[in-house]
C-alpha atoms as a PDB file:
ATOM      1  CA  MET A   1     -66.611 -40.502 -63.993  1.00  0.00           C
ATOM      2  CA  LYS A   2     -65.744 -44.060 -62.601  1.00  0.00           C
ATOM      3  CA  LYS A   3     -62.097 -43.269 -63.070  1.00  0.00           C
ATOM      4  CA  LEU A   4     -62.197 -40.167 -61.201  1.00  0.00           C
ATOM      5  CA  VAL A   5     -63.944 -42.010 -58.357  1.00  0.00           C
ATOM      6  CA  LEU A   6     -61.326 -44.662 -58.367  1.00  0.00           C
ATOM      7  CA  ALA A   7     -58.339 -41.931 -58.487  1.00  0.00           C
ATOM      8  CA  ILE A   8     -59.837 -39.987 -55.584  1.00  0.00           C
ATOM      9  CA  ALA A   9     -60.672 -43.119 -53.543  1.00  0.00           C
ATOM     10  CA  PHE A  10     -56.887 -44.387 -54.380  1.00  0.00           C
ATOM     11  CA  ILE A  11     -55.747 -40.625 -52.863  1.00  0.00           C
ATOM     12  CA  GLY A  12     -58.050 -40.694 -50.344  1.00  0.00           C
ATOM     13  CA  ILE A  13     -56.828 -44.552 -49.080  1.00  0.00           C
ATOM     14  CA  GLY A  14     -53.666 -43.570 -49.446  1.00  0.00           C
ATOM     15  CA  GLY A  15     -53.699 -40.039 -47.589  1.00  0.00           C
ATOM     16  CA  LEU A  16     -55.132 -42.332 -44.777  1.00  0.00           C
ATOM     17  CA  ALA A  17     -52.356 -44.742 -44.901  1.00  0.00           C
ATOM     18  CA  MET A  18     -49.831 -41.941 -45.002  1.00  0.00           C
ATOM     19  CA  ALA A  19     -51.490 -40.324 -41.286  1.00  0.00           C
ATOM     20  CA  GLN A  20     -51.530 -43.583 -39.651  1.00  0.00           C
ATOM     21  CA  GLN A  21     -47.403 -44.179 -40.185  1.00  0.00           C
ATOM     22  CA  THR A  22     -46.278 -41.214 -38.434  1.00  0.00           C
ATOM     23  CA  THR A  23     -43.932 -42.450 -35.502  1.00  0.00           C
ATOM     24  CA  THR A  24     -41.833 -41.093 -33.288  1.00  0.00           C
ATOM     25  CA  PRO A  25     -38.328 -42.032 -32.321  1.00  0.00           C
ATOM     26  CA  GLN A  26     -39.643 -43.157 -29.173  1.00  0.00           C
ATOM     27  CA  ASP A  27     -42.009 -45.557 -30.467  1.00  0.00           C
ATOM     28  CA  LYS A  28     -39.556 -46.963 -32.488  1.00  0.00           C
ATOM     29  CA  GLU A  29     -37.678 -47.580 -29.308  1.00  0.00           C
ATOM     30  CA  ALA A  30     -40.586 -48.527 -27.099  1.00  0.00           C
ATOM     31  CA  ARG A  31     -40.983 -50.865 -30.208  1.00  0.00           C
ATOM     32  CA  LYS A  32     -37.606 -52.014 -30.266  1.00  0.00           C
ATOM     33  CA  ALA A  33     -37.434 -52.693 -26.357  1.00  0.00           C
ATOM     34  CA  GLU A  34     -40.434 -54.608 -26.298  1.00  0.00           C
ATOM     35  CA  MET A  35     -39.475 -56.876 -29.366  1.00  0.00           C
ATOM     36  CA  HIS A  36     -35.836 -57.203 -27.621  1.00  0.00           C
ATOM     37  CA  GLN A  37     -37.616 -58.683 -24.398  1.00  0.00           C
ATOM     38  CA  LYS A  38     -40.060 -60.956 -26.037  1.00  0.00           C
ATOM     39  CA  MET A  39     -37.044 -62.776 -27.928  1.00  0.00           C
ATOM     40  CA  GLU A  40     -35.441 -63.184 -24.580  1.00  0.00           C
ATOM     41  CA  GLN A  41     -38.561 -65.029 -23.269  1.00  0.00           C
ATOM     42  CA  LYS A  42     -38.702 -67.173 -26.589  1.00  0.00           C
ATOM     43  CA  HIS A  43     -35.165 -68.253 -25.787  1.00  0.00           C
ATOM     44  CA  GLN A  44     -35.612 -68.958 -22.475  1.00  0.00           C
ATOM     45  CA  LYS A  45     -38.526 -70.982 -22.947  1.00  0.00           C
ATOM     46  CA  HIS A  46     -36.652 -72.818 -25.435  1.00  0.00           C
ATOM     47  CA  LEU A  47     -33.689 -73.502 -22.939  1.00  0.00           C
ATOM     48  CA  ASP A  48     -36.408 -74.673 -20.596  1.00  0.00           C
ATOM     49  CA  GLU A  49     -38.010 -76.853 -22.990  1.00  0.00           C
ATOM     50  CA  MET A  50     -34.415 -78.424 -23.839  1.00  0.00           C
ATOM     51  CA  LYS A  51     -33.639 -78.585 -20.563  1.00  0.00           C
ATOM     52  CA  LYS A  52     -37.170 -80.416 -19.819  1.00  0.00           C
ATOM     53  CA  ASP A  53     -37.216 -83.080 -23.312  1.00  0.00           C
ATOM     54  CA  LEU A  54     -33.204 -83.794 -22.986  1.00  0.00           C
ATOM     55  CA  ASN A  55     -32.992 -83.751 -19.239  1.00  0.00           C
ATOM     56  CA  LEU A  56     -30.224 -81.740 -19.184  1.00  0.00           C
ATOM     57  CA  ASN A  57     -28.271 -80.602 -16.064  1.00  0.00           C
ATOM     58  CA  ASP A  58     -27.686 -76.640 -14.988  1.00  0.00           C
ATOM     59  CA  SER A  59     -23.847 -76.879 -16.658  1.00  0.00           C
ATOM     60  CA  GLN A  60     -25.002 -78.165 -19.837  1.00  0.00           C
ATOM     61  CA  VAL A  61     -28.214 -75.601 -20.388  1.00  0.00           C
ATOM     62  CA  ALA A  62     -25.209 -72.514 -19.300  1.00  0.00           C
ATOM     63  CA  GLN A  63     -22.809 -74.401 -22.117  1.00  0.00           C
ATOM     64  CA  ILE A  64     -26.394 -74.108 -24.818  1.00  0.00           C
ATOM     65  CA  LYS A  65     -26.707 -70.611 -23.879  1.00  0.00           C
ATOM     66  CA  SER A  66     -23.264 -69.382 -24.039  1.00  0.00           C
ATOM     67  CA  LEU A  67     -23.197 -71.273 -27.239  1.00  0.00           C
ATOM     68  CA  HIS A  68     -26.348 -69.843 -28.590  1.00  0.00           C
ATOM     69  CA  GLU A  69     -24.712 -66.239 -27.262  1.00  0.00           C
ATOM     70  CA  LYS A  70     -21.479 -67.054 -29.192  1.00  0.00           C
ATOM     71  CA  ARG A  71     -23.847 -67.882 -32.647  1.00  0.00           C
ATOM     72  CA  LYS A  72     -25.739 -64.877 -32.055  1.00  0.00           C
ATOM     73  CA  SER A  73     -22.500 -62.085 -31.591  1.00  0.00           C
ATOM     74  CA  GLU A  74     -21.161 -64.202 -35.019  1.00  0.00           C
ATOM     75  CA  MET A  75     -24.127 -63.790 -36.705  1.00  0.00           C
ATOM     76  CA  LYS A  76     -24.211 -60.104 -35.766  1.00  0.00           C
ATOM     77  CA  ALA A  77     -21.205 -59.583 -36.955  1.00  0.00           C
ATOM     78  CA  ASP A  78     -21.800 -61.065 -40.032  1.00  0.00           C
ATOM     79  CA  PHE A  79     -24.679 -58.838 -40.962  1.00  0.00           C
ATOM     80  CA  ASP A  80     -22.461 -56.190 -39.990  1.00  0.00           C
ATOM     81  CA  LYS A  81     -19.307 -56.934 -42.265  1.00  0.00           C
ATOM     82  CA  ASN A  82     -22.246 -57.463 -45.406  1.00  0.00           C
ATOM     83  CA  LYS A  83     -24.311 -54.082 -44.677  1.00  0.00           C
ATOM     84  CA  GLU A  84     -22.005 -52.286 -47.343  1.00  0.00           C
ATOM     85  CA  ALA A  85     -22.973 -54.915 -50.220  1.00  0.00           C
ATOM     86  CA  ARG A  86     -26.497 -54.948 -49.139  1.00  0.00           C
ATOM     87  CA  GLN A  87     -26.623 -51.188 -49.101  1.00  0.00           C
ATOM     88  CA  ALA A  88     -24.990 -51.188 -52.508  1.00  0.00           C
ATOM     89  CA  LYS A  89     -27.036 -53.391 -53.449  1.00  0.00           C
ATOM     90  CA  MET A  90     -30.468 -51.610 -52.512  1.00  0.00           C
ATOM     91  CA  GLU A  91     -29.204 -48.568 -54.743  1.00  0.00           C
ATOM     92  CA  ASP A  92     -28.542 -50.427 -57.952  1.00  0.00           C
ATOM     93  CA  MET A  93     -31.757 -52.034 -57.591  1.00  0.00           C
ATOM     94  CA  LYS A  94     -33.268 -48.039 -56.790  1.00  0.00           C
ATOM     95  CA  THR A  95     -31.120 -47.067 -60.168  1.00  0.00           C
ATOM     96  CA  LYS A  96     -33.206 -49.689 -62.106  1.00  0.00           C
ATOM     97  CA  ARG A  97     -36.247 -48.733 -60.517  1.00  0.00           C
ATOM     98  CA  ALA A  98     -36.212 -45.228 -61.455  1.00  0.00           C
ATOM     99  CA  GLN A  99     -35.133 -46.116 -65.076  1.00  0.00           C
ATOM    100  CA  MET A 100     -38.023 -48.419 -65.656  1.00  0.00           C
ATOM    101  CA  ASP A 101     -40.017 -45.898 -64.650  1.00  0.00           C
ATOM    102  CA  ALA A 102     -38.553 -43.624 -66.830  1.00  0.00           C
ATOM    103  CA  ASP A 103     -39.241 -46.128 -69.803  1.00  0.00           C
ATOM    104  CA  MET A 104     -42.560 -46.714 -68.770  1.00  0.00           C
ATOM    105  CA  LYS A 105     -43.796 -42.830 -68.688  1.00  0.00           C
ATOM    106  CA  LYS A 106     -41.898 -42.883 -72.277  1.00  0.00           C
ATOM    107  CA  ILE A 107     -44.349 -45.774 -73.251  1.00  0.00           C
ATOM    108  CA  LEU A 108     -47.462 -45.175 -71.617  1.00  0.00           C
ATOM    109  CA  THR A 109     -49.922 -42.466 -72.110  1.00  0.00           C
ATOM    110  CA  PRO A 110     -50.650 -39.950 -69.173  1.00  0.00           C
ATOM    111  CA  ASP A 111     -53.647 -42.006 -67.716  1.00  0.00           C
ATOM    112  CA  GLN A 112     -52.084 -45.448 -68.518  1.00  0.00           C
ATOM    113  CA  TYR A 113     -48.472 -44.584 -66.684  1.00  0.00           C
ATOM    114  CA  ASP A 114     -50.855 -42.956 -63.670  1.00  0.00           C
ATOM    115  CA  LYS A 115     -52.756 -46.466 -63.395  1.00  0.00           C
ATOM    116  CA  TRP A 116     -49.813 -48.306 -63.593  1.00  0.00           C
ATOM    117  CA  GLN A 117     -48.660 -46.492 -60.618  1.00  0.00           C
ATOM    118  CA  ALA A 118     -51.385 -46.825 -58.811  1.00  0.00           C
ATOM    119  CA  ASP A 119     -51.574 -50.452 -59.546  1.00  0.00           C
ATOM    120  CA  ARG A 120     -48.271 -50.577 -58.185  1.00  0.00           C
ATOM    121  CA  LYS A 121     -48.776 -48.961 -55.283  1.00  0.00           C
ATOM    122  CA  ALA A 122     -51.656 -51.059 -54.512  1.00  0.00           C
ATOM    123  CA  LYS A 123     -49.496 -54.603 -55.334  1.00  0.00           C
ATOM    124  CA  MET A 124     -46.989 -53.140 -52.348  1.00  0.00           C
ATOM    125  CA  GLU A 125     -49.213 -52.235 -50.029  1.00  0.00           C
ATOM    126  CA  GLN A 126     -51.007 -56.130 -50.469  1.00  0.00           C
ATOM    127  CA  ARG A 127     -47.147 -57.440 -49.876  1.00  0.00           C
ATOM    128  CA  LYS A 128     -46.470 -55.069 -46.814  1.00  0.00           C
ATOM    129  CA  THR A 129     -49.832 -56.467 -45.217  1.00  0.00           C
ATOM    130  CA  ALA A 130     -49.094 -60.195 -45.910  1.00  0.00           C
ATOM    131  CA  MET A 131     -45.252 -59.826 -44.753  1.00  0.00           C
ATOM    132  CA  LYS A 132     -46.550 -57.951 -41.309  1.00  0.00           C
ATOM    133  CA  ASP A 133     -49.562 -60.684 -41.147  1.00  0.00           C
ATOM    134  CA  GLY A 134     -46.862 -63.236 -41.575  1.00  0.00           C
ATOM    135  CA  LYS A 135     -48.987 -64.629 -44.657  1.00  0.00           C
ATOM    136  CA  MET A 136     -45.853 -64.548 -46.885  1.00  0.00           C
ATOM    137  CA  MET A 137     -43.586 -66.964 -44.914  1.00  0.00           C
ATOM    138  CA  LYS A 138     -45.995 -69.556 -43.899  1.00  0.00           C
ATOM    139  CA  LYS A 139     -46.049 -70.977 -47.519  1.00  0.00           C
ATOM    140  CA  PRO A 140     -45.300 -74.764 -47.228  1.00  0.00           C
ATOM    141  CA  MET A 141     -41.967 -75.830 -48.547  1.00  0.00           C
ATOM    142  CA  ASN A 142     -42.650 -78.588 -50.457  1.00  0.00           C
ATOM    143  CA  THR A 143     -46.004 -78.787 -52.115  1.00  0.00           C
ATOM    144  CA  ALA A 144     -45.330 -81.787 -54.057  1.00  0.00           C
ATOM    145  CA  ALA A 145     -47.261 -84.523 -53.050  1.00  0.00           C
ATOM    146  CA  PRO A 146     -45.383 -87.648 -52.333  1.00  0.00           C
ATOM    147  CA  GLU A 147     -45.545 -90.761 -54.912  1.00  0.00           C
ATOM    148  CA  ALA A 148     -47.516 -94.152 -53.835  1.00  0.00           C
ATOM    149  CA  LYS A 149     -45.545 -96.866 -54.248  1.00  0.00           C
END
């Protein structure tokens, strides 16, 4: 009985999660434009702070802005250049994941397999939520305590 209730709960939560994820191309474009605008504002704020902190003149600010734009275009070119390799790697990972899935299906009973799948999906949702909240990126780089002399 508990398993049935748990299974229904997972299905219900999954259904609700899927219902909330329906976005239109217009929504995506609007979000993309909003993020682009926020990034531009962030870059301008950074330049303003540099100008104030380093006592830069307008010529220096223009040169720094030009340097940032050049670096941005170089990074975009590198990103585009490596796109095929990333896609091939993703396809390889999908193939390996499918093989793992097939192997687990052979090893586990149908109930065990269903539970394993549900656990895997729940963990994936937790990771997605953590990534959206930025929690995964806020871990300290060096957790070792400094040595006392």
